[in-house]
Amino acid sequence: MLLERLSWDDLRVFVAVARTLSFRKAAIILRTSSSTIVRRMERLEDAFGFRLFNRLPEGVALTVEGRSVYAGAQQMERASHTLRAQLDQDLTTRGMVRCAVTEGLGTLWVLPHIAQFSRTHPTTLVDLQCSMELADVLRMEADVAVQLEKPDRLDVKAVRLGRLHIYPFASRGYIETYGLPRNRDEIRHHRLVHQQGAQVQEGIVQRALGMPNIDALVALRTNASLAHCRAVELGMGIGGVGTYIVALGTDLVPVDVGIRHQVDIWMAYHPDVRSVARVATFIDWLKTLFDPKQYPWFGDQFIHPREIGRIPVPTTTETLLPVRLREAGAR
């Protein structure tokens, strides 16, 4: 009788809360409200007849009974993944792929190409989650994630897609007002736009300039890639931007002071999702977006932004990416 009263959807919510130990964090992952999470957990506790969580000031903690339910719910979750793989083999039926990707790459690079992917695969709904926060693919927060940090868990499938080259840029308006620095010493007397947050290595600018603190130079600090690049375009300061924006078309000017940075681009996914046909198709397609033979700005070798401007852009990219940096930024 108890099993008849249980909802797998409520158990799925329970698993999210048990993993994050927070109603708020679970709500963010499941894209709902904290009040909805609380209500559903209370309903689940009523069905079981005991408390699953102890409410704490800093979050929640599983009770002894809650830990037992969590173990069983995880087994049900794994079974649901297996069932999904068995049922979602027919690509002519409607299905979804969830892709998490960093803001700039997701908005400027992956999204425009998805327009073509959707025309080729009209029955696949792509749920694109653009954020600098890492998605946990083992916990199935996404089917596949494109990130700037190498996955450190052995049970995650990790594929190195390419390399993101970051170079200082300034707007023409900024240069007209403040001039263009010619070396590192001169850039110390300029204004900077600084990004600080998830997947952004700390202290990069400080080390590049040989300064323990850059607060006196920072005109704007933000945790968002798009806000960072928008500020650079608005002339608020000099900032590091992925060089691939030159291939998209931009008015920004590279600042040649001997400073550049690079970071590898990784793809991570749960080993089980490869058995889902549409997810496997999407993963293979995603790899092609960073093929250095077609898109050399993602290769290991640094190509100066001015040289990128001379490289013919593939027709599909020309067609799909009529993007100016005034609309968005890139990381």
Protein backbone atom coordinates (compact mmCIF):
# COMPACT_ATOMS: atom_id res chain seq x y z
CA MET A 1 0.00 0.00 0.00
CA LEU A 2 2.89 2.36 0.78
CA LEU A 3 4.48 1.86 -2.65
CA GLU A 4 1.15 2.63 -4.31
CA ARG A 5 1.08 6.00 -2.57
CA LEU A 6 4.65 6.95 -3.54
CA SER A 7 5.41 9.14 -6.52
CA TRP A 8 8.66 8.55 -8.42
CA ASP A 9 8.65 12.26 -9.26
CA ASP A 10 8.65 13.05 -5.54
CA LEU A 11 11.46 10.56 -5.00
CA ARG A 12 13.43 12.25 -7.80
CA VAL A 13 13.05 15.54 -5.94
CA PHE A 14 14.06 13.79 -2.72
CA VAL A 15 17.28 12.56 -4.37
CA ALA A 16 18.14 16.11 -5.42
CA VAL A 17 17.62 17.39 -1.88
CA ALA A 18 19.57 14.49 -0.37
CA ARG A 19 22.52 15.21 -2.64
CA THR A 20 22.64 18.95 -2.10
CA LEU A 21 21.35 18.93 1.51
CA SER A 22 19.55 22.13 0.66
CA PHE A 23 15.98 22.87 -0.45
CA ARG A 24 17.22 26.01 -2.21
CA LYS A 25 19.99 24.28 -4.17
CA ALA A 26 17.67 21.45 -5.14
CA ALA A 27 15.15 24.01 -6.38
CA ILE A 28 17.82 25.61 -8.58
CA ILE A 29 18.82 22.24 -10.07
CA LEU A 30 15.21 21.23 -10.70
CA ARG A 31 14.21 24.73 -11.86
CA THR A 32 11.39 25.16 -9.41
CA SER A 33 10.73 27.09 -6.21
CA SER A 34 11.97 26.25 -2.72
CA SER A 35 8.38 26.26 -1.47
CA THR A 36 7.47 23.59 -4.02
CA ILE A 37 10.41 21.46 -2.88
CA VAL A 38 9.41 21.81 0.77
CA ARG A 39 5.79 20.94 0.01
CA ARG A 40 6.72 17.82 -1.92
CA MET A 41 9.15 16.63 0.76
CA GLU A 42 6.47 17.09 3.40
CA ARG A 43 4.09 15.04 1.25
CA LEU A 44 6.70 12.31 0.89
CA GLU A 45 7.34 12.29 4.64
CA ASP A 46 3.59 11.97 5.25
CA ALA A 47 3.48 8.98 2.89
CA PHE A 48 6.36 7.26 4.70
CA GLY A 49 5.15 8.21 8.14
CA PHE A 50 8.56 9.45 9.31
CA ARG A 51 10.89 12.40 8.77
CA LEU A 52 13.42 12.17 5.96
CA PHE A 53 15.34 15.31 6.88
CA ASN A 54 16.31 17.22 9.98
CA ARG A 55 15.89 20.94 9.29
CA LEU A 56 19.05 22.89 10.20
CA PRO A 57 19.88 26.62 10.04
CA GLU A 58 22.40 25.99 7.24
CA GLY A 59 20.30 23.46 5.31
CA VAL A 60 19.04 19.93 5.97
CA ALA A 61 20.53 16.61 7.06
CA LEU A 62 19.27 13.14 6.30
CA THR A 63 17.77 11.22 9.18
CA VAL A 64 18.66 7.54 9.71
CA GLU A 65 15.45 6.61 7.90
CA GLY A 66 16.20 9.18 5.22
CA ARG A 67 19.58 7.60 4.48
CA SER A 68 17.90 4.23 3.99
CA VAL A 69 15.34 5.73 1.60
CA TYR A 70 18.13 7.56 -0.24
CA ALA A 71 19.98 4.30 -0.91
CA GLY A 72 16.84 2.75 -2.40
CA ALA A 73 15.98 5.88 -4.38
CA GLN A 74 19.45 5.90 -5.95
CA GLN A 75 18.91 2.34 -7.16
CA MET A 76 15.60 3.42 -8.68
CA GLU A 77 17.37 6.34 -10.35
CA ARG A 78 19.95 4.05 -11.92
CA ALA A 79 17.16 1.79 -13.12
CA SER A 80 15.41 4.79 -14.69
CA HIS A 81 18.61 5.61 -16.61
CA THR A 82 18.71 2.06 -17.96
CA LEU A 83 15.02 2.27 -18.90
CA ARG A 84 15.61 5.58 -20.66
CA ALA A 85 18.36 4.01 -22.76
CA GLN A 86 16.02 1.19 -23.77
CA LEU A 87 13.05 3.44 -24.60
CA ASP A 88 14.87 6.34 -26.23
CA GLN A 89 16.46 4.51 -29.15
CA ASP A 90 14.02 5.67 -31.81
CA LEU A 91 15.28 9.03 -33.04
CA THR A 92 12.05 9.59 -34.96
CA THR A 93 10.19 10.11 -31.67
CA ARG A 94 10.42 13.19 -29.47
CA GLY A 95 13.19 13.26 -26.86
CA MET A 96 15.47 15.64 -24.97
CA VAL A 97 19.19 16.19 -24.45
CA ARG A 98 20.36 18.42 -21.61
CA CYS A 99 23.62 20.26 -22.27
CA ALA A 100 25.34 22.46 -19.69
CA VAL A 101 27.98 24.87 -21.02
CA THR A 102 29.81 28.00 -19.93
CA GLU A 103 28.04 31.28 -20.67
CA GLY A 104 30.08 32.65 -23.55
CA LEU A 105 30.73 29.39 -25.38
CA GLY A 106 27.12 28.38 -24.89
CA THR A 107 25.57 31.64 -26.06
CA LEU A 108 27.98 32.63 -28.82
CA TRP A 109 29.31 29.36 -30.16
CA VAL A 110 27.16 26.34 -29.29
CA LEU A 111 23.73 27.97 -29.50
CA PRO A 112 23.99 29.26 -33.09
CA HIS A 113 25.18 25.85 -34.26
CA ILE A 114 22.26 24.20 -32.45
CA ALA A 115 20.04 25.99 -34.93
CA GLN A 116 21.49 23.74 -37.64
CA PHE A 117 21.46 20.67 -35.36
CA SER A 118 17.76 21.19 -34.70
CA ARG A 119 17.02 21.30 -38.40
CA THR A 120 18.89 18.03 -38.89
CA HIS A 121 17.41 16.40 -35.76
CA PRO A 122 13.93 17.97 -35.42
CA THR A 123 12.71 15.41 -32.87
CA THR A 124 15.46 16.22 -30.36
CA LEU A 125 14.79 19.02 -27.90
CA VAL A 126 18.06 20.53 -26.67
CA ASP A 127 17.86 21.93 -23.14
CA LEU A 128 20.82 24.34 -23.14
CA GLN A 129 21.94 25.42 -19.67
CA CYS A 130 24.39 28.35 -19.98
CA SER A 131 26.15 29.01 -16.68
CA MET A 132 29.62 29.33 -15.21
CA GLU A 133 28.58 26.93 -12.45
CA LEU A 134 29.67 23.33 -13.00
CA ALA A 135 26.92 20.81 -13.67
CA ASP A 136 27.29 17.44 -11.95
CA VAL A 137 26.75 14.91 -14.74
CA LEU A 138 27.05 11.98 -12.32
CA ARG A 139 24.01 13.33 -10.53
CA MET A 140 22.38 13.79 -13.93
CA GLU A 141 22.08 17.56 -13.61
CA ALA A 142 22.87 17.44 -17.34
CA ASP A 143 23.46 14.71 -19.92
CA VAL A 144 26.63 16.37 -21.12
CA ALA A 145 28.64 19.36 -19.88
CA VAL A 146 31.15 21.60 -21.65
CA GLN A 147 33.40 23.16 -19.03
CA LEU A 148 36.77 24.80 -18.43
CA GLU A 149 37.83 22.47 -15.63
CA LYS A 150 39.00 18.90 -16.14
CA PRO A 151 36.61 16.48 -14.43
CA ASP A 152 38.38 15.04 -11.41
CA ARG A 153 36.17 12.00 -10.84
CA LEU A 154 37.25 8.72 -12.40
CA ASP A 155 33.67 7.58 -13.00
CA VAL A 156 32.97 10.56 -15.29
CA LYS A 157 33.72 10.28 -18.99
CA ALA A 158 35.98 13.19 -19.86
CA VAL A 159 36.94 14.31 -23.37
CA ARG A 160 39.25 17.21 -24.13
CA LEU A 161 37.52 19.21 -26.86
CA GLY A 162 40.07 21.93 -27.53
CA ARG A 163 41.68 24.99 -26.04
CA LEU A 164 40.26 28.42 -25.28
CA HIS A 165 42.78 31.18 -25.87
CA ILE A 166 42.11 34.36 -23.89
CA TYR A 167 43.63 37.67 -24.97
CA PRO A 168 43.27 41.26 -23.73
CA PHE A 169 40.93 43.40 -25.81
CA ALA A 170 39.74 47.00 -25.68
CA SER A 171 36.98 48.86 -27.48
CA ARG A 172 37.74 51.62 -29.97
CA GLY A 173 35.90 54.01 -27.68
CA TYR A 174 38.16 53.10 -24.78
CA ILE A 175 41.27 53.59 -26.92
CA GLU A 176 40.07 57.02 -28.06
CA THR A 177 39.61 58.06 -24.43
CA TYR A 178 42.52 56.39 -22.64
CA GLY A 179 44.90 55.34 -25.39
CA LEU A 180 46.36 51.92 -26.13
CA PRO A 181 48.99 50.50 -23.75
CA ARG A 182 52.17 49.27 -25.42
CA ASN A 183 53.57 47.04 -22.66
CA ARG A 184 52.81 45.59 -19.23
CA ASP A 185 54.11 48.62 -17.40
CA GLU A 186 51.72 50.90 -19.26
CA ILE A 187 48.71 48.65 -18.74
CA ARG A 188 49.14 49.14 -15.01
CA HIS A 189 47.96 52.71 -15.54
CA HIS A 190 44.81 51.68 -17.39
CA ARG A 191 41.32 50.57 -16.38
CA LEU A 192 40.44 46.88 -16.25
CA VAL A 193 37.29 44.77 -16.44
CA HIS A 194 37.81 41.76 -14.19
CA GLN A 195 35.90 38.49 -14.07
CA GLN A 196 35.95 36.52 -10.85
CA GLY A 197 33.89 33.42 -10.22
CA ALA A 198 33.31 29.77 -11.05
CA GLN A 199 35.66 28.20 -13.63
CA VAL A 200 37.82 31.34 -13.71
CA GLN A 201 41.29 30.77 -12.31
CA GLU A 202 42.08 33.13 -9.47
CA GLY A 203 44.96 35.58 -9.66
CA ILE A 204 45.57 35.34 -13.42
CA VAL A 205 45.62 39.10 -14.01
CA GLN A 206 47.63 39.76 -10.85
CA ARG A 207 50.32 37.31 -11.92
CA ALA A 208 50.37 38.60 -15.49
CA LEU A 209 50.91 42.18 -14.33
CA GLY A 210 53.22 41.29 -11.44
CA MET A 211 50.89 43.01 -8.98
CA PRO A 212 49.68 41.54 -5.67
CA ASN A 213 46.45 43.52 -5.94
CA ILE A 214 44.67 45.05 -8.95
CA ASP A 215 41.71 46.67 -7.17
CA ALA A 216 43.00 50.17 -7.97
CA LEU A 217 42.80 49.37 -11.69
CA VAL A 218 39.44 47.58 -11.78
CA ALA A 219 36.55 49.59 -13.18
CA LEU A 220 34.14 46.67 -12.99
CA ARG A 221 34.26 43.21 -11.46
CA THR A 222 31.66 40.61 -12.39
CA ASN A 223 31.11 36.86 -12.13
CA ALA A 224 29.38 36.62 -15.52
CA SER A 225 31.22 36.16 -18.80
CA LEU A 226 28.64 38.01 -20.87
CA ALA A 227 28.59 40.97 -18.50
CA HIS A 228 32.39 40.99 -18.52
CA CYS A 229 32.63 41.18 -22.29
CA ARG A 230 29.76 43.62 -22.60
CA ALA A 231 31.63 45.95 -20.24
CA VAL A 232 34.76 45.67 -22.40
CA GLU A 233 32.75 46.57 -25.48
CA LEU A 234 31.20 49.54 -23.68
CA GLY A 235 34.68 50.93 -23.07
CA MET A 236 34.71 50.44 -19.31
CA GLY A 237 38.16 48.88 -19.43
CA ILE A 238 40.52 46.33 -20.93
CA GLY A 239 39.54 42.69 -20.40
CA GLY A 240 40.52 39.17 -21.41
CA VAL A 241 38.20 37.64 -24.00
CA GLY A 242 38.25 34.35 -25.91
CA THR A 243 39.97 34.92 -29.25
CA TYR A 244 37.26 33.00 -31.13
CA ILE A 245 35.08 36.13 -31.01
CA VAL A 246 37.18 37.50 -33.86
CA ALA A 247 35.85 34.69 -36.06
CA LEU A 248 32.33 35.85 -35.21
CA GLY A 249 32.99 39.47 -36.11
CA THR A 250 33.84 42.14 -33.53
CA ASP A 251 35.00 45.76 -33.31
CA LEU A 252 37.22 45.03 -30.32
CA VAL A 253 40.93 45.69 -30.70
CA PRO A 254 43.55 43.22 -29.39
CA VAL A 255 45.91 44.76 -26.83
CA ASP A 256 49.44 43.53 -27.57
CA VAL A 257 51.33 43.79 -24.29
CA GLY A 258 52.75 40.26 -24.15
CA ILE A 259 49.90 38.83 -22.07
CA ARG A 260 47.72 35.87 -23.00
CA HIS A 261 46.13 32.95 -21.21
CA GLN A 262 44.85 29.56 -22.26
CA VAL A 263 42.56 27.00 -20.72
CA ASP A 264 41.45 23.60 -21.97
CA ILE A 265 37.84 22.97 -22.94
CA TRP A 266 36.45 19.70 -21.58
CA MET A 267 33.35 17.68 -22.21
CA ALA A 268 32.02 15.53 -19.36
CA TYR A 269 29.16 13.06 -19.31
CA HIS A 270 27.77 10.18 -17.28
CA PRO A 271 29.03 6.86 -18.71
CA ASP A 272 25.46 5.54 -18.97
CA VAL A 273 24.17 8.28 -21.28
CA ARG A 274 26.24 6.96 -24.20
CA SER A 275 23.70 4.14 -24.41
CA VAL A 276 20.95 6.69 -25.16
CA ALA A 277 20.99 7.06 -28.95
CA ARG A 278 20.06 10.74 -29.17
CA VAL A 279 22.52 11.71 -26.45
CA ALA A 280 25.30 9.79 -28.20
CA THR A 281 24.43 11.57 -31.44
CA PHE A 282 24.56 14.94 -29.70
CA ILE A 283 27.91 14.16 -28.04
CA ASP A 284 29.48 13.21 -31.37
CA TRP A 285 28.08 16.36 -32.98
CA LEU A 286 29.32 18.53 -30.11
CA LYS A 287 32.87 17.32 -30.66
CA THR A 288 32.83 18.66 -34.22
CA LEU A 289 32.20 22.22 -32.98
CA PHE A 290 35.71 22.34 -31.55
CA ASP A 291 37.56 20.50 -34.32
CA PRO A 292 40.81 22.50 -34.76
CA LYS A 293 41.00 21.53 -38.43
CA GLN A 294 37.77 23.37 -39.10
CA TYR A 295 38.01 25.93 -36.29
CA PRO A 296 41.76 26.50 -35.71
CA TRP A 297 41.16 29.12 -32.99
CA PHE A 298 40.28 26.18 -30.69
CA GLY A 299 43.55 24.37 -31.46
CA ASP A 300 46.46 23.98 -29.07
CA GLN A 301 48.55 26.53 -30.96
CA PHE A 302 47.85 30.18 -30.23
CA ILE A 303 46.74 32.18 -33.24
CA HIS A 304 46.91 35.96 -32.90
CA PRO A 305 43.47 37.59 -33.17
CA ARG A 306 44.60 39.53 -36.22
CA GLU A 307 45.49 36.26 -37.95
CA ILE A 308 42.13 34.77 -37.00
CA GLY A 309 40.52 37.69 -38.81
CA ARG A 310 42.20 36.49 -42.01
CA ILE A 311 41.08 32.86 -41.72
CA PRO A 312 38.05 32.05 -43.91
CA VAL A 313 35.10 31.23 -41.67
CA PRO A 314 33.20 28.05 -42.66
CA THR A 315 29.96 28.84 -44.47
CA THR A 316 27.81 27.30 -41.75
CA THR A 317 29.42 29.56 -39.16
CA GLU A 318 29.01 32.63 -41.36
CA THR A 319 25.35 31.81 -41.79
CA LEU A 320 24.60 30.90 -38.19
CA LEU A 321 26.68 33.48 -36.36
CA PRO A 322 25.66 37.01 -37.39
CA VAL A 323 26.75 38.04 -33.89
CA ARG A 324 28.26 41.31 -32.72
CA LEU A 325 29.87 41.60 -29.35
CA ARG A 326 27.50 44.43 -28.48
CA GLU A 327 24.85 41.69 -28.18
CA ALA A 328 26.88 39.32 -26.03
CA GLY A 329 30.35 38.37 -24.83
CA ALA A 330 32.56 35.32 -24.94
CA ARG A 331 34.11 32.90 -22.52
